Amino acid sequence: MFKITDAAAKQILDASKQSDAEGLALRVAAKALSDGHIEYGMGFDEPQESDVRIEHAGATVIIDPPSNDLLDEASMDFVEIEPGVERFIFLNPLDPHYIPPKKKKPAEK
């Protein structure tokens, strides 16, 4: 099942307020490219009856059935890519180009 982190949920809610989209869900879409890579898209939208609905920390994400298969094991986060640059990222083990994040080593004493 697709997962949303707390940071992503907060940013979804903030973005909906800033763009006059309060009350709308964030539609997340995925498409497999010819090289197997998965391309992602997002935008605020009205839910359709066939959509999969995921709610977390007050934020609602909707996914259409074709995209749901590509997003089934994925998670969406909102992170600082470099100082001062934040964006949504998708961690998707179904993407052949996926590289799992490195686990932080415990601080040495």
N, C-alpha and C. Protein backbone atom coordinates (compact mmCIF):
# COMPACT_ATOMS: atom_id res chain seq x y z
N MET A 1 0.83 -1.18 0.00
CA MET A 1 0.00 0.00 0.00
C MET A 1 0.88 1.25 0.00
N PHE A 2 0.48 2.25 -0.75
CA PHE A 2 1.17 3.53 -0.85
C PHE A 2 1.15 4.20 0.52
N LYS A 3 2.30 4.78 0.89
CA LYS A 3 2.42 5.44 2.20
C LYS A 3 2.81 6.90 2.01
N ILE A 4 2.36 7.71 2.96
CA ILE A 4 2.67 9.14 2.97
C ILE A 4 3.34 9.43 4.31
N THR A 5 4.48 10.10 4.30
CA THR A 5 5.14 10.45 5.55
C THR A 5 4.44 11.65 6.19
N ASP A 6 4.74 11.88 7.46
CA ASP A 6 4.19 13.05 8.15
C ASP A 6 4.61 14.34 7.44
N ALA A 7 5.88 14.42 7.01
CA ALA A 7 6.38 15.62 6.34
C ALA A 7 5.64 15.86 5.02
N ALA A 8 5.36 14.78 4.27
CA ALA A 8 4.63 14.92 3.01
C ALA A 8 3.20 15.36 3.27
N ALA A 9 2.56 14.79 4.28
CA ALA A 9 1.18 15.17 4.61
C ALA A 9 1.10 16.64 4.97
N LYS A 10 2.04 17.11 5.77
CA LYS A 10 2.06 18.53 6.17
C LYS A 10 2.21 19.41 4.94
N GLN A 11 3.11 19.05 4.03
CA GLN A 11 3.33 19.87 2.84
C GLN A 11 2.12 19.84 1.91
N ILE A 12 1.44 18.70 1.81
CA ILE A 12 0.22 18.62 1.00
C ILE A 12 -0.81 19.60 1.54
N LEU A 13 -1.01 19.60 2.85
CA LEU A 13 -1.98 20.50 3.47
C LEU A 13 -1.57 21.96 3.27
N ASP A 14 -0.29 22.27 3.45
CA ASP A 14 0.19 23.63 3.25
C ASP A 14 0.00 24.07 1.80
N ALA A 15 0.32 23.20 0.85
CA ALA A 15 0.20 23.53 -0.57
C ALA A 15 -1.26 23.72 -0.97
N SER A 16 -2.16 22.94 -0.38
CA SER A 16 -3.58 23.10 -0.72
C SER A 16 -4.10 24.46 -0.26
N LYS A 17 -3.62 24.92 0.88
CA LYS A 17 -4.03 26.24 1.39
C LYS A 17 -3.46 27.35 0.51
N GLN A 18 -2.21 27.22 0.11
CA GLN A 18 -1.55 28.25 -0.69
C GLN A 18 -2.12 28.36 -2.10
N SER A 19 -2.68 27.26 -2.62
CA SER A 19 -3.15 27.26 -4.01
C SER A 19 -4.68 27.28 -4.11
N ASP A 20 -5.35 27.66 -3.04
CA ASP A 20 -6.82 27.68 -3.02
C ASP A 20 -7.42 26.33 -3.41
N ALA A 21 -6.78 25.25 -3.00
CA ALA A 21 -7.26 23.90 -3.30
C ALA A 21 -7.72 23.17 -2.03
N GLU A 22 -7.99 23.94 -0.98
CA GLU A 22 -8.44 23.30 0.27
C GLU A 22 -9.69 22.48 -0.01
N GLY A 23 -9.72 21.29 0.57
CA GLY A 23 -10.86 20.40 0.37
C GLY A 23 -10.66 19.43 -0.79
N LEU A 24 -9.68 19.69 -1.64
CA LEU A 24 -9.38 18.77 -2.74
C LEU A 24 -8.32 17.78 -2.28
N ALA A 25 -8.31 16.64 -2.92
CA ALA A 25 -7.29 15.63 -2.64
C ALA A 25 -6.12 15.84 -3.59
N LEU A 26 -4.96 15.34 -3.20
CA LEU A 26 -3.80 15.37 -4.09
C LEU A 26 -3.80 14.09 -4.91
N ARG A 27 -3.93 14.23 -6.22
CA ARG A 27 -3.88 13.06 -7.10
C ARG A 27 -2.42 12.78 -7.41
N VAL A 28 -2.00 11.54 -7.18
CA VAL A 28 -0.65 11.08 -7.52
C VAL A 28 -0.79 10.07 -8.64
N ALA A 29 -0.03 10.27 -9.70
CA ALA A 29 -0.08 9.37 -10.85
C ALA A 29 1.31 8.84 -11.13
N ALA A 30 1.36 7.65 -11.71
CA ALA A 30 2.64 7.03 -12.08
C ALA A 30 2.50 6.40 -13.46
N LYS A 31 3.58 6.47 -14.22
CA LYS A 31 3.59 5.90 -15.56
C LYS A 31 4.94 5.23 -15.78
N ALA A 32 4.93 4.00 -16.28
CA ALA A 32 6.17 3.29 -16.59
C ALA A 32 6.67 3.76 -17.96
N LEU A 33 7.93 4.17 -18.01
CA LEU A 33 8.55 4.59 -19.26
C LEU A 33 9.17 3.38 -19.97
N SER A 34 9.60 3.57 -21.19
CA SER A 34 10.12 2.45 -21.98
C SER A 34 11.34 1.78 -21.35
N ASP A 35 12.13 2.53 -20.58
CA ASP A 35 13.30 1.93 -19.93
C ASP A 35 12.96 1.30 -18.58
N GLY A 36 11.67 1.30 -18.23
CA GLY A 36 11.25 0.72 -16.96
C GLY A 36 11.15 1.73 -15.84
N HIS A 37 11.80 2.88 -16.01
CA HIS A 37 11.76 3.96 -15.02
C HIS A 37 10.32 4.41 -14.81
N ILE A 38 9.98 4.81 -13.61
CA ILE A 38 8.63 5.27 -13.32
C ILE A 38 8.65 6.79 -13.18
N GLU A 39 7.74 7.42 -13.92
CA GLU A 39 7.58 8.88 -13.89
C GLU A 39 6.36 9.20 -13.02
N TYR A 40 6.46 10.25 -12.21
CA TYR A 40 5.40 10.61 -11.27
C TYR A 40 4.84 11.98 -11.60
N GLY A 41 3.55 12.15 -11.30
CA GLY A 41 2.89 13.44 -11.46
C GLY A 41 1.94 13.66 -10.29
N MET A 42 1.67 14.93 -10.00
CA MET A 42 0.79 15.27 -8.88
C MET A 42 -0.01 16.52 -9.22
N GLY A 43 -1.21 16.59 -8.65
CA GLY A 43 -2.01 17.79 -8.78
C GLY A 43 -3.28 17.63 -7.96
N PHE A 44 -3.84 18.73 -7.51
CA PHE A 44 -5.07 18.66 -6.72
C PHE A 44 -6.25 18.36 -7.63
N ASP A 45 -7.17 17.51 -7.14
CA ASP A 45 -8.24 17.02 -8.00
C ASP A 45 -9.41 16.54 -7.14
N GLU A 46 -10.55 16.40 -7.78
CA GLU A 46 -11.72 15.80 -7.14
C GLU A 46 -11.59 14.28 -7.23
N PRO A 47 -11.88 13.57 -6.15
CA PRO A 47 -11.83 12.10 -6.20
C PRO A 47 -12.89 11.53 -7.15
N GLN A 48 -12.53 10.45 -7.81
CA GLN A 48 -13.45 9.69 -8.65
C GLN A 48 -13.82 8.40 -7.90
N GLU A 49 -14.91 7.81 -8.25
CA GLU A 49 -15.38 6.62 -7.56
C GLU A 49 -14.36 5.48 -7.60
N SER A 50 -13.64 5.36 -8.71
CA SER A 50 -12.68 4.25 -8.87
C SER A 50 -11.33 4.50 -8.21
N ASP A 51 -11.09 5.71 -7.70
CA ASP A 51 -9.80 6.04 -7.11
C ASP A 51 -9.55 5.28 -5.80
N VAL A 52 -8.29 4.96 -5.58
CA VAL A 52 -7.85 4.48 -4.27
C VAL A 52 -7.60 5.73 -3.44
N ARG A 53 -8.06 5.70 -2.21
CA ARG A 53 -7.95 6.88 -1.33
C ARG A 53 -7.07 6.53 -0.14
N ILE A 54 -6.05 7.36 0.10
CA ILE A 54 -5.16 7.17 1.24
C ILE A 54 -5.21 8.46 2.06
N GLU A 55 -5.40 8.31 3.36
CA GLU A 55 -5.43 9.48 4.24
C GLU A 55 -4.36 9.31 5.30
N HIS A 56 -3.67 10.42 5.58
CA HIS A 56 -2.64 10.40 6.61
C HIS A 56 -2.49 11.80 7.17
N ALA A 57 -2.58 11.93 8.46
CA ALA A 57 -2.35 13.20 9.17
C ALA A 57 -3.15 14.35 8.57
N GLY A 58 -4.39 14.07 8.15
CA GLY A 58 -5.26 15.11 7.62
C GLY A 58 -5.16 15.34 6.14
N ALA A 59 -4.19 14.74 5.47
CA ALA A 59 -4.01 14.90 4.03
C ALA A 59 -4.63 13.70 3.31
N THR A 60 -5.22 13.96 2.16
CA THR A 60 -5.82 12.90 1.35
C THR A 60 -5.11 12.82 0.01
N VAL A 61 -4.69 11.61 -0.34
CA VAL A 61 -4.08 11.34 -1.64
C VAL A 61 -4.99 10.37 -2.37
N ILE A 62 -5.22 10.62 -3.66
CA ILE A 62 -6.01 9.72 -4.48
C ILE A 62 -5.14 9.20 -5.62
N ILE A 63 -5.40 7.95 -6.00
CA ILE A 63 -4.61 7.29 -7.05
C ILE A 63 -5.58 6.52 -7.92
N ASP A 64 -5.47 6.67 -9.25
CA ASP A 64 -6.34 5.90 -10.14
C ASP A 64 -5.82 4.47 -10.23
N PRO A 65 -6.69 3.51 -10.58
CA PRO A 65 -6.28 2.09 -10.57
C PRO A 65 -5.01 1.77 -11.38
N PRO A 66 -4.82 2.29 -12.60
CA PRO A 66 -3.57 1.95 -13.31
C PRO A 66 -2.30 2.41 -12.57
N SER A 67 -2.36 3.59 -11.97
CA SER A 67 -1.21 4.08 -11.22
C SER A 67 -1.02 3.32 -9.92
N ASN A 68 -2.11 2.84 -9.35
CA ASN A 68 -2.03 2.15 -8.06
C ASN A 68 -1.11 0.94 -8.13
N ASP A 69 -1.13 0.22 -9.24
CA ASP A 69 -0.25 -0.95 -9.38
C ASP A 69 1.22 -0.55 -9.32
N LEU A 70 1.57 0.60 -9.91
CA LEU A 70 2.96 1.07 -9.91
C LEU A 70 3.37 1.70 -8.58
N LEU A 71 2.39 2.10 -7.78
CA LEU A 71 2.67 2.78 -6.51
C LEU A 71 2.43 1.90 -5.29
N ASP A 72 2.07 0.65 -5.52
CA ASP A 72 1.64 -0.22 -4.43
C ASP A 72 2.62 -0.31 -3.26
N GLU A 73 3.91 -0.33 -3.53
CA GLU A 73 4.91 -0.48 -2.46
C GLU A 73 5.68 0.81 -2.20
N ALA A 74 5.24 1.91 -2.80
CA ALA A 74 5.96 3.17 -2.72
C ALA A 74 5.57 3.99 -1.51
N SER A 75 6.45 4.94 -1.19
CA SER A 75 6.12 5.95 -0.18
C SER A 75 6.53 7.31 -0.73
N MET A 76 5.81 8.33 -0.27
CA MET A 76 6.08 9.69 -0.69
C MET A 76 6.54 10.47 0.53
N ASP A 77 7.62 11.22 0.37
CA ASP A 77 8.16 12.01 1.46
C ASP A 77 8.41 13.43 0.95
N PHE A 78 8.61 14.34 1.86
CA PHE A 78 8.98 15.72 1.52
C PHE A 78 10.26 16.00 2.27
N VAL A 79 11.35 16.21 1.52
CA VAL A 79 12.67 16.30 2.14
C VAL A 79 13.46 17.49 1.60
N GLU A 80 14.50 17.84 2.35
CA GLU A 80 15.44 18.86 1.90
C GLU A 80 16.49 18.15 1.06
N ILE A 81 16.50 18.44 -0.24
CA ILE A 81 17.43 17.82 -1.19
C ILE A 81 18.83 18.37 -1.00
N GLU A 82 18.90 19.68 -0.83
CA GLU A 82 20.14 20.39 -0.53
C GLU A 82 19.72 21.60 0.29
N PRO A 83 20.64 22.28 0.92
CA PRO A 83 20.25 23.39 1.78
C PRO A 83 19.32 24.38 1.06
N GLY A 84 18.13 24.56 1.64
CA GLY A 84 17.16 25.50 1.10
C GLY A 84 16.31 24.99 -0.04
N VAL A 85 16.50 23.74 -0.47
CA VAL A 85 15.73 23.17 -1.59
C VAL A 85 14.99 21.94 -1.08
N GLU A 86 13.66 22.08 -0.98
CA GLU A 86 12.84 20.97 -0.51
C GLU A 86 11.92 20.53 -1.64
N ARG A 87 11.62 19.21 -1.67
CA ARG A 87 10.67 18.71 -2.68
C ARG A 87 10.16 17.34 -2.28
N PHE A 88 9.09 16.96 -2.96
CA PHE A 88 8.54 15.63 -2.77
C PHE A 88 9.45 14.62 -3.46
N ILE A 89 9.62 13.48 -2.83
CA ILE A 89 10.34 12.37 -3.45
C ILE A 89 9.50 11.11 -3.31
N PHE A 90 9.72 10.18 -4.22
CA PHE A 90 9.05 8.89 -4.18
C PHE A 90 10.09 7.81 -3.97
N LEU A 91 9.87 6.97 -2.99
CA LEU A 91 10.72 5.82 -2.72
C LEU A 91 9.92 4.60 -3.16
N ASN A 92 10.32 4.02 -4.29
CA ASN A 92 9.50 2.98 -4.89
C ASN A 92 10.35 1.77 -5.29
N PRO A 93 10.28 0.70 -4.49
CA PRO A 93 11.06 -0.49 -4.83
C PRO A 93 10.62 -1.17 -6.12
N LEU A 94 9.47 -0.79 -6.69
CA LEU A 94 9.04 -1.35 -7.96
C LEU A 94 9.73 -0.67 -9.15
N ASP A 95 10.38 0.45 -8.91
CA ASP A 95 11.11 1.17 -9.96
C ASP A 95 12.49 0.51 -10.10
N PRO A 96 12.85 0.04 -11.29
CA PRO A 96 14.15 -0.62 -11.45
C PRO A 96 15.33 0.30 -11.16
N HIS A 97 15.12 1.60 -11.14
CA HIS A 97 16.19 2.56 -10.85
C HIS A 97 16.20 2.97 -9.38
N TYR A 98 15.37 2.35 -8.58
CA TYR A 98 15.26 2.69 -7.16
C TYR A 98 16.53 2.30 -6.41
N ILE A 99 17.02 3.22 -5.61
CA ILE A 99 18.15 2.94 -4.73
C ILE A 99 17.66 3.24 -3.31
N PRO A 100 17.60 2.23 -2.46
CA PRO A 100 17.10 2.48 -1.10
C PRO A 100 17.98 3.47 -0.37
N PRO A 101 17.35 4.28 0.50
CA PRO A 101 18.17 5.23 1.27
C PRO A 101 19.11 4.50 2.20
N LYS A 102 20.27 5.09 2.40
CA LYS A 102 21.24 4.48 3.31
C LYS A 102 20.79 4.72 4.73
N LYS A 103 20.93 3.70 5.55
CA LYS A 103 20.57 3.83 6.96
C LYS A 103 21.67 4.62 7.65
N LYS A 104 21.24 5.52 8.53
CA LYS A 104 22.22 6.30 9.28
C LYS A 104 22.89 5.41 10.30
N LYS A 105 24.19 5.55 10.39
CA LYS A 105 24.94 4.79 11.40
C LYS A 105 24.75 5.45 12.74
N PRO A 106 24.65 4.65 13.79
CA PRO A 106 24.52 5.26 15.11
C PRO A 106 25.77 6.09 15.43
N ALA A 107 25.54 7.18 16.10
CA ALA A 107 26.66 8.05 16.47
C ALA A 107 27.61 7.31 17.39
N GLU A 108 28.88 7.44 17.11
CA GLU A 108 29.88 6.76 17.95
C GLU A 108 30.11 7.57 19.22
N LYS A 109 30.39 6.86 20.28
CA LYS A 109 30.62 7.53 21.58
C LYS A 109 32.08 7.79 21.79
